[in-house]
């Protein structure tokens, strides 16, 4: 499989965004669970740093951290508005990454076929 920097970045981004969607779903499922702290997935900064420093993007893994935002009386800090917006943003980013990967493979198919 061809694995250049662009493909590696897109694959890591897709992995991180998919993890974020799972965490968002978990947050929403636990919106009424006492003492539950919302999860947040972070990978963009590590991915950016890897690209800027020439480190392999494949070494980047999404990290899940618990939110330190204020909690409600039951100790839960899941905010449905935040989760909904985050879900929409993540979905759009995921679709954009899929289109980028599809375009990349489309160019490769075109080159292999001799530009036809």
PDB file of N, CA and C in Angstrom:
ATOM      1  N   UNK A   1       0.841  -1.182   0.000  1.00  0.00           N
ATOM      2  CA  UNK A   1       0.000   0.000   0.000  1.00  0.00           C
ATOM      3  C   UNK A   1       0.881   1.239   0.000  1.00  0.00           C
ATOM      4  N   UNK A   2       0.529   2.206  -0.816  1.00  0.00           N
ATOM      5  CA  UNK A   2       1.259   3.470  -0.844  1.00  0.00           C
ATOM      6  C   UNK A   2       0.966   4.241   0.427  1.00  0.00           C
ATOM      7  N   UNK A   3       2.015   4.672   1.083  1.00  0.00           N
ATOM      8  CA  UNK A   3       1.815   5.371   2.353  1.00  0.00           C
ATOM      9  C   UNK A   3       2.697   6.611   2.394  1.00  0.00           C
ATOM     10  N   UNK A   4       2.206   7.700   1.814  1.00  0.00           N
ATOM     11  CA  UNK A   4       2.923   8.954   1.873  1.00  0.00           C
ATOM     12  C   UNK A   4       2.414   9.756   3.071  1.00  0.00           C
ATOM     13  N   UNK A   5       2.984  10.930   3.274  1.00  0.00           N
ATOM     14  CA  UNK A   5       2.620  11.745   4.437  1.00  0.00           C
ATOM     15  C   UNK A   5       1.140  12.130   4.395  1.00  0.00           C
ATOM     16  N   UNK A   6       0.665  12.523   3.221  1.00  0.00           N
ATOM     17  CA  UNK A   6      -0.737  12.936   3.110  1.00  0.00           C
ATOM     18  C   UNK A   6      -1.679  11.802   3.491  1.00  0.00           C
ATOM     19  N   UNK A   7      -1.431  10.626   2.946  1.00  0.00           N
ATOM     20  CA  UNK A   7      -2.286   9.480   3.267  1.00  0.00           C
ATOM     21  C   UNK A   7      -2.222   9.142   4.748  1.00  0.00           C
ATOM     22  N   UNK A   8      -1.043   9.210   5.323  1.00  0.00           N
ATOM     23  CA  UNK A   8      -0.885   8.924   6.758  1.00  0.00           C
ATOM     24  C   UNK A   8      -1.656   9.929   7.602  1.00  0.00           C
ATOM     25  N   UNK A   9      -1.555  11.207   7.244  1.00  0.00           N
ATOM     26  CA  UNK A   9      -2.266  12.254   7.986  1.00  0.00           C
ATOM     27  C   UNK A   9      -3.770  12.027   7.907  1.00  0.00           C
ATOM     28  N   UNK A  10      -4.263  11.743   6.716  1.00  0.00           N
ATOM     29  CA  UNK A  10      -5.703  11.526   6.544  1.00  0.00           C
ATOM     30  C   UNK A  10      -6.159  10.308   7.341  1.00  0.00           C
ATOM     31  N   UNK A  11      -5.398   9.241   7.300  1.00  0.00           N
ATOM     32  CA  UNK A  11      -5.776   8.031   8.051  1.00  0.00           C
ATOM     33  C   UNK A  11      -5.806   8.284   9.566  1.00  0.00           C
ATOM     34  N   UNK A  12      -4.806   8.992  10.070  1.00  0.00           N
ATOM     35  CA  UNK A  12      -4.776   9.317  11.501  1.00  0.00           C
ATOM     36  C   UNK A  12      -5.944  10.226  11.859  1.00  0.00           C
ATOM     37  N   UNK A  13      -6.225  11.193  10.993  1.00  0.00           N
ATOM     38  CA  UNK A  13      -7.354  12.097  11.239  1.00  0.00           C
ATOM     39  C   UNK A  13      -8.666  11.317  11.273  1.00  0.00           C
ATOM     40  N   UNK A  14      -8.863  10.401  10.337  1.00  0.00           N
ATOM     41  CA  UNK A  14     -10.081   9.587  10.330  1.00  0.00           C
ATOM     42  C   UNK A  14     -10.198   8.749  11.603  1.00  0.00           C
ATOM     43  N   UNK A  15      -9.080   8.195  12.028  1.00  0.00           N
ATOM     44  CA  UNK A  15      -9.076   7.400  13.267  1.00  0.00           C
ATOM     45  C   UNK A  15      -9.454   8.273  14.469  1.00  0.00           C
ATOM     46  N   UNK A  16      -8.861   9.448  14.547  1.00  0.00           N
ATOM     47  CA  UNK A  16      -9.152  10.360  15.654  1.00  0.00           C
ATOM     48  C   UNK A  16     -10.588  10.851  15.633  1.00  0.00           C
ATOM     49  N   UNK A  17     -11.092  11.174  14.460  1.00  0.00           N
ATOM     50  CA  UNK A  17     -12.470  11.651  14.345  1.00  0.00           C
ATOM     51  C   UNK A  17     -13.473  10.546  14.672  1.00  0.00           C
ATOM     52  N   UNK A  18     -13.172   9.324  14.252  1.00  0.00           N
ATOM     53  CA  UNK A  18     -14.050   8.192  14.594  1.00  0.00           C
ATOM     54  C   UNK A  18     -14.069   7.977  16.111  1.00  0.00           C
ATOM     55  N   UNK A  19     -12.902   8.095  16.742  1.00  0.00           N
ATOM     56  CA  UNK A  19     -12.833   7.970  18.207  1.00  0.00           C
ATOM     57  C   UNK A  19     -13.643   9.081  18.870  1.00  0.00           C
ATOM     58  N   UNK A  20     -13.552  10.287  18.322  1.00  0.00           N
ATOM     59  CA  UNK A  20     -14.307  11.410  18.877  1.00  0.00           C
ATOM     60  C   UNK A  20     -15.813  11.129  18.785  1.00  0.00           C
ATOM     61  N   UNK A  21     -16.275  10.577  17.669  1.00  0.00           N
ATOM     62  CA  UNK A  21     -17.702  10.264  17.533  1.00  0.00           C
ATOM     63  C   UNK A  21     -18.138   9.238  18.578  1.00  0.00           C
ATOM     64  N   UNK A  22     -17.299   8.244  18.844  1.00  0.00           N
ATOM     65  CA  UNK A  22     -17.628   7.244  19.872  1.00  0.00           C
ATOM     66  C   UNK A  22     -17.707   7.884  21.257  1.00  0.00           C
ATOM     67  N   UNK A  23     -16.787   8.789  21.541  1.00  0.00           N
ATOM     68  CA  UNK A  23     -16.774   9.462  22.845  1.00  0.00           C
ATOM     69  C   UNK A  23     -17.992  10.378  22.983  1.00  0.00           C
ATOM     70  N   UNK A  24     -18.347  11.074  21.915  1.00  0.00           N
ATOM     71  CA  UNK A  24     -19.543  11.926  21.942  1.00  0.00           C
ATOM     72  C   UNK A  24     -20.775  11.074  22.233  1.00  0.00           C
ATOM     73  N   UNK A  25     -20.889   9.930  21.569  1.00  0.00           N
ATOM     74  CA  UNK A  25     -22.025   9.037  21.801  1.00  0.00           C
ATOM     75  C   UNK A  25     -22.051   8.563  23.253  1.00  0.00           C
ATOM     76  N   UNK A  26     -20.884   8.251  23.803  1.00  0.00           N
ATOM     77  CA  UNK A  26     -20.789   7.830  25.204  1.00  0.00           C
ATOM     78  C   UNK A  26     -21.195   8.972  26.136  1.00  0.00           C
ATOM     79  N   UNK A  27     -20.760  10.177  25.820  1.00  0.00           N
ATOM     80  CA  UNK A  27     -21.132  11.341  26.635  1.00  0.00           C
ATOM     81  C   UNK A  27     -22.648  11.509  26.658  1.00  0.00           C
ATOM     82  N   UNK A  28     -23.269  11.470  25.488  1.00  0.00           N
ATOM     83  CA  UNK A  28     -24.718  11.656  25.408  1.00  0.00           C
ATOM     84  C   UNK A  28     -25.451  10.523  26.127  1.00  0.00           C
ATOM     85  N   UNK A  29     -24.956   9.300  25.986  1.00  0.00           N
ATOM     86  CA  UNK A  29     -25.592   8.165  26.650  1.00  0.00           C
ATOM     87  C   UNK A  29     -25.535   8.297  28.172  1.00  0.00           C
ATOM     88  N   UNK A  30     -24.553   9.017  28.665  1.00  0.00           N
ATOM     89  CA  UNK A  30     -24.375   9.171  30.112  1.00  0.00           C
ATOM     90  C   UNK A  30     -24.769  10.552  30.626  1.00  0.00           C
ATOM     91  N   UNK A  31     -25.610  11.238  29.894  1.00  0.00           N
ATOM     92  CA  UNK A  31     -25.960  12.613  30.252  1.00  0.00           C
ATOM     93  C   UNK A  31     -26.622  12.710  31.632  1.00  0.00           C
ATOM     94  N   UNK A  32     -27.267  11.664  32.088  1.00  0.00           N
ATOM     95  CA  UNK A  32     -27.927  11.674  33.399  1.00  0.00           C
ATOM     96  C   UNK A  32     -27.196  10.840  34.446  1.00  0.00           C
ATOM     97  N   UNK A  33     -26.030  10.320  34.113  1.00  0.00           N
ATOM     98  CA  UNK A  33     -25.272   9.493  35.051  1.00  0.00           C
ATOM     99  C   UNK A  33     -24.566  10.380  36.076  1.00  0.00           C
ATOM    100  N   UNK A  34     -24.879  10.207  37.349  1.00  0.00           N
ATOM    101  CA  UNK A  34     -24.217  11.019  38.369  1.00  0.00           C
ATOM    102  C   UNK A  34     -22.695  10.831  38.347  1.00  0.00           C
ATOM    103  N   UNK A  35     -21.970  11.900  38.557  1.00  0.00           N
ATOM    104  CA  UNK A  35     -20.502  11.941  38.626  1.00  0.00           C
ATOM    105  C   UNK A  35     -19.798  11.636  37.297  1.00  0.00           C
ATOM    106  N   UNK A  36     -20.549  11.526  36.206  1.00  0.00           N
ATOM    107  CA  UNK A  36     -19.924  11.251  34.907  1.00  0.00           C
ATOM    108  C   UNK A  36     -19.313  12.537  34.355  1.00  0.00           C
ATOM    109  N   UNK A  37     -18.054  12.446  33.958  1.00  0.00           N
ATOM    110  CA  UNK A  37     -17.375  13.583  33.343  1.00  0.00           C
ATOM    111  C   UNK A  37     -17.226  13.320  31.854  1.00  0.00           C
ATOM    112  N   UNK A  38     -17.608  14.285  31.060  1.00  0.00           N
ATOM    113  CA  UNK A  38     -17.558  14.144  29.606  1.00  0.00           C
ATOM    114  C   UNK A  38     -16.132  13.881  29.132  1.00  0.00           C
ATOM    115  N   UNK A  39     -16.024  13.041  28.115  1.00  0.00           N
ATOM    116  CA  UNK A  39     -14.733  12.769  27.498  1.00  0.00           C
ATOM    117  C   UNK A  39     -14.469  13.746  26.365  1.00  0.00           C
ATOM    118  N   UNK A  40     -13.215  14.009  26.127  1.00  0.00           N
ATOM    119  CA  UNK A  40     -12.792  14.867  25.020  1.00  0.00           C
ATOM    120  C   UNK A  40     -11.633  14.167  24.312  1.00  0.00           C
ATOM    121  N   UNK A  41     -11.701  14.071  22.994  1.00  0.00           N
ATOM    122  CA  UNK A  41     -10.648  13.418  22.211  1.00  0.00           C
ATOM    123  C   UNK A  41      -9.735  14.486  21.627  1.00  0.00           C
ATOM    124  N   UNK A  42      -8.449  14.272  21.814  1.00  0.00           N
ATOM    125  CA  UNK A  42      -7.457  15.216  21.321  1.00  0.00           C
ATOM    126  C   UNK A  42      -6.452  14.477  20.457  1.00  0.00           C
ATOM    127  N   UNK A  43      -6.216  15.013  19.272  1.00  0.00           N
ATOM    128  CA  UNK A  43      -5.188  14.446  18.404  1.00  0.00           C
ATOM    129  C   UNK A  43      -4.655  15.470  17.400  1.00  0.00           C
ATOM    130  N   UNK A  44      -5.419  16.532  17.152  1.00  0.00           N
ATOM    131  CA  UNK A  44      -5.044  17.491  16.112  1.00  0.00           C
ATOM    132  C   UNK A  44      -3.691  18.148  16.361  1.00  0.00           C
ATOM    133  N   UNK A  45      -3.450  18.578  17.579  1.00  0.00           N
ATOM    134  CA  UNK A  45      -2.182  19.260  17.875  1.00  0.00           C
ATOM    135  C   UNK A  45      -1.001  18.308  17.718  1.00  0.00           C
ATOM    136  N   UNK A  46      -1.149  17.076  18.186  1.00  0.00           N
ATOM    137  CA  UNK A  46      -0.073  16.089  18.038  1.00  0.00           C
ATOM    138  C   UNK A  46       0.175  15.772  16.567  1.00  0.00           C
ATOM    139  N   UNK A  47      -0.894  15.709  15.790  1.00  0.00           N
ATOM    140  CA  UNK A  47      -0.765  15.436  14.361  1.00  0.00           C
ATOM    141  C   UNK A  47      -0.070  16.608  13.660  1.00  0.00           C
ATOM    142  N   UNK A  48      -0.461  17.825  14.012  1.00  0.00           N
ATOM    143  CA  UNK A  48       0.168  19.026  13.439  1.00  0.00           C
ATOM    144  C   UNK A  48       1.655  19.054  13.774  1.00  0.00           C
ATOM    145  N   UNK A  49       1.988  18.773  15.012  1.00  0.00           N
ATOM    146  CA  UNK A  49       3.385  18.768  15.440  1.00  0.00           C
ATOM    147  C   UNK A  49       4.186  17.706  14.696  1.00  0.00           C
ATOM    148  N   UNK A  50       3.599  16.530  14.521  1.00  0.00           N
ATOM    149  CA  UNK A  50       4.288  15.456  13.803  1.00  0.00           C
ATOM    150  C   UNK A  50       4.617  15.882  12.374  1.00  0.00           C
ATOM    151  N   UNK A  51       3.672  16.510  11.712  1.00  0.00           N
ATOM    152  CA  UNK A  51       3.894  16.957  10.333  1.00  0.00           C
ATOM    153  C   UNK A  51       4.960  18.052  10.299  1.00  0.00           C
ATOM    154  N   UNK A  52       4.877  19.000  11.216  1.00  0.00           N
ATOM    155  CA  UNK A  52       5.828  20.119  11.235  1.00  0.00           C
ATOM    156  C   UNK A  52       7.244  19.675  11.553  1.00  0.00           C
ATOM    157  N   UNK A  53       7.393  18.652  12.383  1.00  0.00           N
ATOM    158  CA  UNK A  53       8.727  18.203  12.784  1.00  0.00           C
ATOM    159  C   UNK A  53       9.265  17.067  11.925  1.00  0.00           C
ATOM    160  N   UNK A  54       8.443  16.576  11.001  1.00  0.00           N
ATOM    161  CA  UNK A  54       8.890  15.490  10.137  1.00  0.00           C
ATOM    162  C   UNK A  54       8.775  14.116  10.766  1.00  0.00           C
ATOM    163  N   UNK A  55       8.124  14.040  11.907  1.00  0.00           N
ATOM    164  CA  UNK A  55       7.881  12.752  12.563  1.00  0.00           C
ATOM    165  C   UNK A  55       6.767  12.031  11.818  1.00  0.00           C
ATOM    166  N   UNK A  56       6.788  10.722  11.838  1.00  0.00           N
ATOM    167  CA  UNK A  56       5.747   9.962  11.149  1.00  0.00           C
ATOM    168  C   UNK A  56       4.383  10.210  11.786  1.00  0.00           C
ATOM    169  N   UNK A  57       3.404  10.634  10.993  1.00  0.00           N
ATOM    170  CA  UNK A  57       2.055  10.831  11.531  1.00  0.00           C
ATOM    171  C   UNK A  57       1.449   9.544  12.094  1.00  0.00           C
ATOM    172  N   UNK A  58       1.930   8.398  11.613  1.00  0.00           N
ATOM    173  CA  UNK A  58       1.394   7.121  12.097  1.00  0.00           C
ATOM    174  C   UNK A  58       1.647   6.898  13.584  1.00  0.00           C
ATOM    175  N   UNK A  59       2.582   7.647  14.149  1.00  0.00           N
ATOM    176  CA  UNK A  59       2.890   7.521  15.573  1.00  0.00           C
ATOM    177  C   UNK A  59       1.867   8.235  16.458  1.00  0.00           C
ATOM    178  N   UNK A  60       1.011   9.044  15.849  1.00  0.00           N
ATOM    179  CA  UNK A  60       0.025   9.830  16.604  1.00  0.00           C
ATOM    180  C   UNK A  60      -1.200   8.978  16.892  1.00  0.00           C
ATOM    181  N   UNK A  61      -1.624   8.985  18.149  1.00  0.00           N
ATOM    182  CA  UNK A  61      -2.839   8.273  18.559  1.00  0.00           C
ATOM    183  C   UNK A  61      -3.771   9.250  19.251  1.00  0.00           C
ATOM    184  N   UNK A  62      -5.064   9.113  19.008  1.00  0.00           N
ATOM    185  CA  UNK A  62      -6.002   9.987  19.714  1.00  0.00           C
ATOM    186  C   UNK A  62      -5.979   9.691  21.212  1.00  0.00           C
ATOM    187  N   UNK A  63      -6.066  10.745  21.994  1.00  0.00           N
ATOM    188  CA  UNK A  63      -6.091  10.598  23.453  1.00  0.00           C
ATOM    189  C   UNK A  63      -7.431  11.076  23.984  1.00  0.00           C
ATOM    190  N   UNK A  64      -7.970  10.315  24.918  1.00  0.00           N
ATOM    191  CA  UNK A  64      -9.240  10.692  25.543  1.00  0.00           C
ATOM    192  C   UNK A  64      -8.942  11.221  26.938  1.00  0.00           C
ATOM    193  N   UNK A  65      -9.393  12.444  27.182  1.00  0.00           N
ATOM    194  CA  UNK A  65      -9.233  13.065  28.500  1.00  0.00           C
ATOM    195  C   UNK A  65     -10.612  13.423  29.031  1.00  0.00           C
ATOM    196  N   UNK A  66     -10.739  13.485  30.315  1.00  0.00           N
ATOM    197  CA  UNK A  66     -12.009  13.879  30.926  1.00  0.00           C
ATOM    198  C   UNK A  66     -12.085  15.391  31.004  1.00  0.00           C
ATOM    199  N   UNK A  67     -13.251  15.912  30.711  1.00  0.00           N
ATOM    200  CA  UNK A  67     -13.486  17.347  30.720  1.00  0.00           C
ATOM    201  C   UNK A  67     -13.383  17.907  32.140  1.00  0.00           C
ATOM    202  N   UNK A  68     -12.820  19.085  32.246  1.00  0.00           N
ATOM    203  CA  UNK A  68     -12.717  19.764  33.536  1.00  0.00           C
ATOM    204  C   UNK A  68     -13.733  20.888  33.656  1.00  0.00           C
ATOM    205  N   UNK A  69     -14.716  20.887  32.755  1.00  0.00           N
ATOM    206  CA  UNK A  69     -15.752  21.903  32.790  1.00  0.00           C
ATOM    207  C   UNK A  69     -16.574  21.755  34.068  1.00  0.00           C
ATOM    208  N   UNK A  70     -17.226  22.831  34.507  1.00  0.00           N
ATOM    209  CA  UNK A  70     -18.037  22.766  35.732  1.00  0.00           C
ATOM    210  C   UNK A  70     -19.130  21.696  35.630  1.00  0.00           C
ATOM    211  N   UNK A  71     -19.461  21.149  36.758  1.00  0.00           N
ATOM    212  CA  UNK A  71     -20.471  20.094  36.805  1.00  0.00           C
ATOM    213  C   UNK A  71     -21.801  20.630  37.334  1.00  0.00           C
ATOM    214  N   UNK A  72     -22.838  19.853  37.061  1.00  0.00           N
ATOM    215  CA  UNK A  72     -24.149  20.164  37.632  1.00  0.00           C
ATOM    216  C   UNK A  72     -24.179  19.606  39.054  1.00  0.00           C
ATOM    217  N   UNK A  73     -25.309  19.749  39.713  1.00  0.00           N
ATOM    218  CA  UNK A  73     -25.435  19.303  41.111  1.00  0.00           C
ATOM    219  C   UNK A  73     -25.116  17.829  41.295  1.00  0.00           C
ATOM    220  N   UNK A  74     -25.405  17.004  40.274  1.00  0.00           N
ATOM    221  CA  UNK A  74     -25.154  15.563  40.402  1.00  0.00           C
ATOM    222  C   UNK A  74     -23.718  15.187  40.022  1.00  0.00           C
ATOM    223  N   UNK A  75     -22.865  16.162  39.752  1.00  0.00           N
ATOM    224  CA  UNK A  75     -21.469  15.894  39.434  1.00  0.00           C
ATOM    225  C   UNK A  75     -21.216  15.586  37.968  1.00  0.00           C
ATOM    226  N   UNK A  76     -22.252  15.637  37.142  1.00  0.00           N
ATOM    227  CA  UNK A  76     -22.146  15.351  35.718  1.00  0.00           C
ATOM    228  C   UNK A  76     -21.903  16.670  34.966  1.00  0.00           C
ATOM    229  N   UNK A  77     -21.029  16.642  33.960  1.00  0.00           N
ATOM    230  CA  UNK A  77     -20.770  17.878  33.224  1.00  0.00           C
ATOM    231  C   UNK A  77     -21.029  17.754  31.722  1.00  0.00           C
ATOM    232  N   UNK A  78     -21.832  16.783  31.309  1.00  0.00           N
ATOM    233  CA  UNK A  78     -22.168  16.645  29.892  1.00  0.00           C
ATOM    234  C   UNK A  78     -23.137  17.762  29.505  1.00  0.00           C
ATOM    235  N   UNK A  79     -22.799  18.483  28.452  1.00  0.00           N
ATOM    236  CA  UNK A  79     -23.628  19.572  27.949  1.00  0.00           C
ATOM    237  C   UNK A  79     -24.149  19.148  26.587  1.00  0.00           C
ATOM    238  N   UNK A  80     -25.451  18.913  26.478  1.00  0.00           N
ATOM    239  CA  UNK A  80     -26.038  18.402  25.247  1.00  0.00           C
ATOM    240  C   UNK A  80     -25.803  19.344  24.069  1.00  0.00           C
ATOM    241  N   UNK A  81     -25.878  20.642  24.291  1.00  0.00           N
ATOM    242  CA  UNK A  81     -25.624  21.593  23.207  1.00  0.00           C
ATOM    243  C   UNK A  81     -24.192  21.449  22.683  1.00  0.00           C
ATOM    244  N   UNK A  82     -23.241  21.355  23.583  1.00  0.00           N
ATOM    245  CA  UNK A  82     -21.839  21.191  23.193  1.00  0.00           C
ATOM    246  C   UNK A  82     -21.647  19.883  22.434  1.00  0.00           C
ATOM    247  N   UNK A  83     -22.231  18.809  22.927  1.00  0.00           N
ATOM    248  CA  UNK A  83     -22.076  17.503  22.294  1.00  0.00           C
ATOM    249  C   UNK A  83     -22.703  17.491  20.894  1.00  0.00           C
ATOM    250  N   UNK A  84     -23.844  18.137  20.746  1.00  0.00           N
ATOM    251  CA  UNK A  84     -24.516  18.195  19.449  1.00  0.00           C
ATOM    252  C   UNK A  84     -23.672  18.956  18.437  1.00  0.00           C
ATOM    253  N   UNK A  85     -23.145  20.104  18.838  1.00  0.00           N
ATOM    254  CA  UNK A  85     -22.288  20.885  17.943  1.00  0.00           C
ATOM    255  C   UNK A  85     -20.997  20.144  17.618  1.00  0.00           C
ATOM    256  N   UNK A  86     -20.436  19.491  18.615  1.00  0.00           N
ATOM    257  CA  UNK A  86     -19.215  18.727  18.394  1.00  0.00           C
ATOM    258  C   UNK A  86     -19.471  17.566  17.430  1.00  0.00           C
ATOM    259  N   UNK A  87     -20.616  16.930  17.564  1.00  0.00           N
ATOM    260  CA  UNK A  87     -20.982  15.835  16.661  1.00  0.00           C
ATOM    261  C   UNK A  87     -21.087  16.342  15.220  1.00  0.00           C
ATOM    262  N   UNK A  88     -21.762  17.462  15.027  1.00  0.00           N
ATOM    263  CA  UNK A  88     -21.927  18.017  13.679  1.00  0.00           C
ATOM    264  C   UNK A  88     -20.567  18.406  13.088  1.00  0.00           C
ATOM    265  N   UNK A  89     -19.729  19.062  13.876  1.00  0.00           N
ATOM    266  CA  UNK A  89     -18.400  19.470  13.431  1.00  0.00           C
ATOM    267  C   UNK A  89     -17.554  18.247  13.063  1.00  0.00           C
ATOM    268  N   UNK A  90     -17.589  17.246  13.908  1.00  0.00           N
ATOM    269  CA  UNK A  90     -16.800  16.039  13.681  1.00  0.00           C
ATOM    270  C   UNK A  90     -17.280  15.301  12.441  1.00  0.00           C
ATOM    271  N   UNK A  91     -18.582  15.242  12.242  1.00  0.00           N
ATOM    272  CA  UNK A  91     -19.135  14.592  11.052  1.00  0.00           C
ATOM    273  C   UNK A  91     -18.670  15.296   9.785  1.00  0.00           C
ATOM    274  N   UNK A  92     -18.711  16.623   9.779  1.00  0.00           N
ATOM    275  CA  UNK A  92     -18.249  17.377   8.613  1.00  0.00           C
ATOM    276  C   UNK A  92     -16.758  17.165   8.357  1.00  0.00           C
ATOM    277  N   UNK A  93     -15.976  17.153   9.403  1.00  0.00           N
ATOM    278  CA  UNK A  93     -14.533  16.920   9.253  1.00  0.00           C
ATOM    279  C   UNK A  93     -14.259  15.514   8.715  1.00  0.00           C
ATOM    280  N   UNK A  94     -15.002  14.542   9.224  1.00  0.00           N
ATOM    281  CA  UNK A  94     -14.833  13.158   8.780  1.00  0.00           C
ATOM    282  C   UNK A  94     -15.156  13.050   7.294  1.00  0.00           C
ATOM    283  N   UNK A  95     -16.263  13.652   6.876  1.00  0.00           N
ATOM    284  CA  UNK A  95     -16.642  13.627   5.465  1.00  0.00           C
ATOM    285  C   UNK A  95     -15.585  14.304   4.595  1.00  0.00           C
ATOM    286  N   UNK A  96     -15.012  15.394   5.086  1.00  0.00           N
ATOM    287  CA  UNK A  96     -13.964  16.092   4.348  1.00  0.00           C
ATOM    288  C   UNK A  96     -12.729  15.210   4.195  1.00  0.00           C
ATOM    289  N   UNK A  97     -12.355  14.512   5.236  1.00  0.00           N
ATOM    290  CA  UNK A  97     -11.197  13.616   5.164  1.00  0.00           C
ATOM    291  C   UNK A  97     -11.460  12.465   4.196  1.00  0.00           C
ATOM    292  N   UNK A  98     -12.679  11.926   4.199  1.00  0.00           N
ATOM    293  CA  UNK A  98     -13.021  10.863   3.249  1.00  0.00           C
ATOM    294  C   UNK A  98     -12.925  11.361   1.810  1.00  0.00           C
ATOM    295  N   UNK A  99     -13.387  12.582   1.573  1.00  0.00           N
ATOM    296  CA  UNK A  99     -13.302  13.158   0.228  1.00  0.00           C
ATOM    297  C   UNK A  99     -11.843  13.362  -0.176  1.00  0.00           C
ATOM    298  N   UNK A 100     -11.013  13.792   0.761  1.00  0.00           N
ATOM    299  CA  UNK A 100      -9.592  13.979   0.464  1.00  0.00           C
ATOM    300  C   UNK A 100      -8.948  12.651   0.100  1.00  0.00           C
ATOM    301  N   UNK A 101      -9.261  11.609   0.850  1.00  0.00           N
ATOM    302  CA  UNK A 101      -8.699  10.292   0.571  1.00  0.00           C
ATOM    303  C   UNK A 101      -9.204   9.773  -0.773  1.00  0.00           C
ATOM    304  N   UNK A 102     -10.486   9.970  -1.049  1.00  0.00           N
ATOM    305  CA  UNK A 102     -11.059   9.542  -2.320  1.00  0.00           C
ATOM    306  C   UNK A 102     -10.395  10.284  -3.482  1.00  0.00           C
ATOM    307  N   UNK A 103     -10.154  11.575  -3.325  1.00  0.00           N
ATOM    308  CA  UNK A 103      -9.490  12.359  -4.372  1.00  0.00           C
ATOM    309  C   UNK A 103      -8.073  11.865  -4.608  1.00  0.00           C
ATOM    310  N   UNK A 104      -7.384  11.564  -3.523  1.00  0.00           N
ATOM    311  CA  UNK A 104      -6.013  11.063  -3.629  1.00  0.00           C
ATOM    312  C   UNK A 104      -5.985   9.764  -4.420  1.00  0.00           C
ATOM    313  N   UNK A 105      -6.867   8.838  -4.078  1.00  0.00           N
ATOM    314  CA  UNK A 105      -6.915   7.562  -4.788  1.00  0.00           C
ATOM    315  C   UNK A 105      -7.416   7.747  -6.218  1.00  0.00           C
ATOM    316  N   UNK A 106      -8.292   8.716  -6.447  1.00  0.00           N
ATOM    317  CA  UNK A 106      -8.740   9.011  -7.800  1.00  0.00           C
ATOM    318  C   UNK A 106      -7.592   9.475  -8.680  1.00  0.00           C
ATOM    319  N   UNK A 107      -6.713  10.315  -8.122  1.00  0.00           N
ATOM    320  CA  UNK A 107      -5.549  10.767  -8.878  1.00  0.00           C
ATOM    321  C   UNK A 107      -4.620   9.594  -9.181  1.00  0.00           C
ATOM    322  N   UNK A 108      -4.439   8.727  -8.202  1.00  0.00           N
ATOM    323  CA  UNK A 108      -3.581   7.559  -8.426  1.00  0.00           C
ATOM    324  C   UNK A 108      -4.167   6.653  -9.503  1.00  0.00           C
ATOM    325  N   UNK A 109      -5.483   6.439  -9.469  1.00  0.00           N
ATOM    326  CA  UNK A 109      -6.132   5.622 -10.505  1.00  0.00           C
ATOM    327  C   UNK A 109      -5.920   6.253 -11.887  1.00  0.00           C
ATOM    328  N   UNK A 110      -6.047   7.558 -11.956  1.00  0.00           N
ATOM    329  CA  UNK A 110      -5.870   8.257 -13.220  1.00  0.00           C
ATOM    330  C   UNK A 110      -4.450   8.110 -13.741  1.00  0.00           C
ATOM    331  N   UNK A 111      -3.472   8.225 -12.875  1.00  0.00           N
ATOM    332  CA  UNK A 111      -2.067   8.078 -13.265  1.00  0.00           C
ATOM    333  C   UNK A 111      -1.804   6.649 -13.727  1.00  0.00           C
ATOM    334  N   UNK A 112      -2.321   5.682 -13.000  1.00  0.00           N
ATOM    335  CA  UNK A 112      -2.108   4.275 -13.353  1.00  0.00           C
ATOM    336  C   UNK A 112      -2.712   3.959 -14.724  1.00  0.00           C
ATOM    337  N   UNK A 113      -3.869   4.536 -15.006  1.00  0.00           N
ATOM    338  CA  UNK A 113      -4.536   4.312 -16.284  1.00  0.00           C
ATOM    339  C   UNK A 113      -3.940   5.144 -17.423  1.00  0.00           C
ATOM    340  N   UNK A 114      -2.973   5.948 -17.097  1.00  0.00           N
ATOM    341  CA  UNK A 114      -2.315   6.751 -18.128  1.00  0.00           C
ATOM    342  C   UNK A 114      -3.022   8.060 -18.412  1.00  0.00           C
ATOM    343  N   UNK A 115      -3.710   8.583 -17.377  1.00  0.00           N
ATOM    344  CA  UNK A 115      -4.359   9.882 -17.542  1.00  0.00           C
ATOM    345  C   UNK A 115      -5.726   9.825 -18.198  1.00  0.00           C
ATOM    346  N   UNK A 116      -6.202   8.655 -18.503  1.00  0.00           N
ATOM    347  CA  UNK A 116      -7.501   8.527 -19.165  1.00  0.00           C
ATOM    348  C   UNK A 116      -8.639   8.584 -18.199  1.00  0.00           C
TER     349      UNK A 116
END
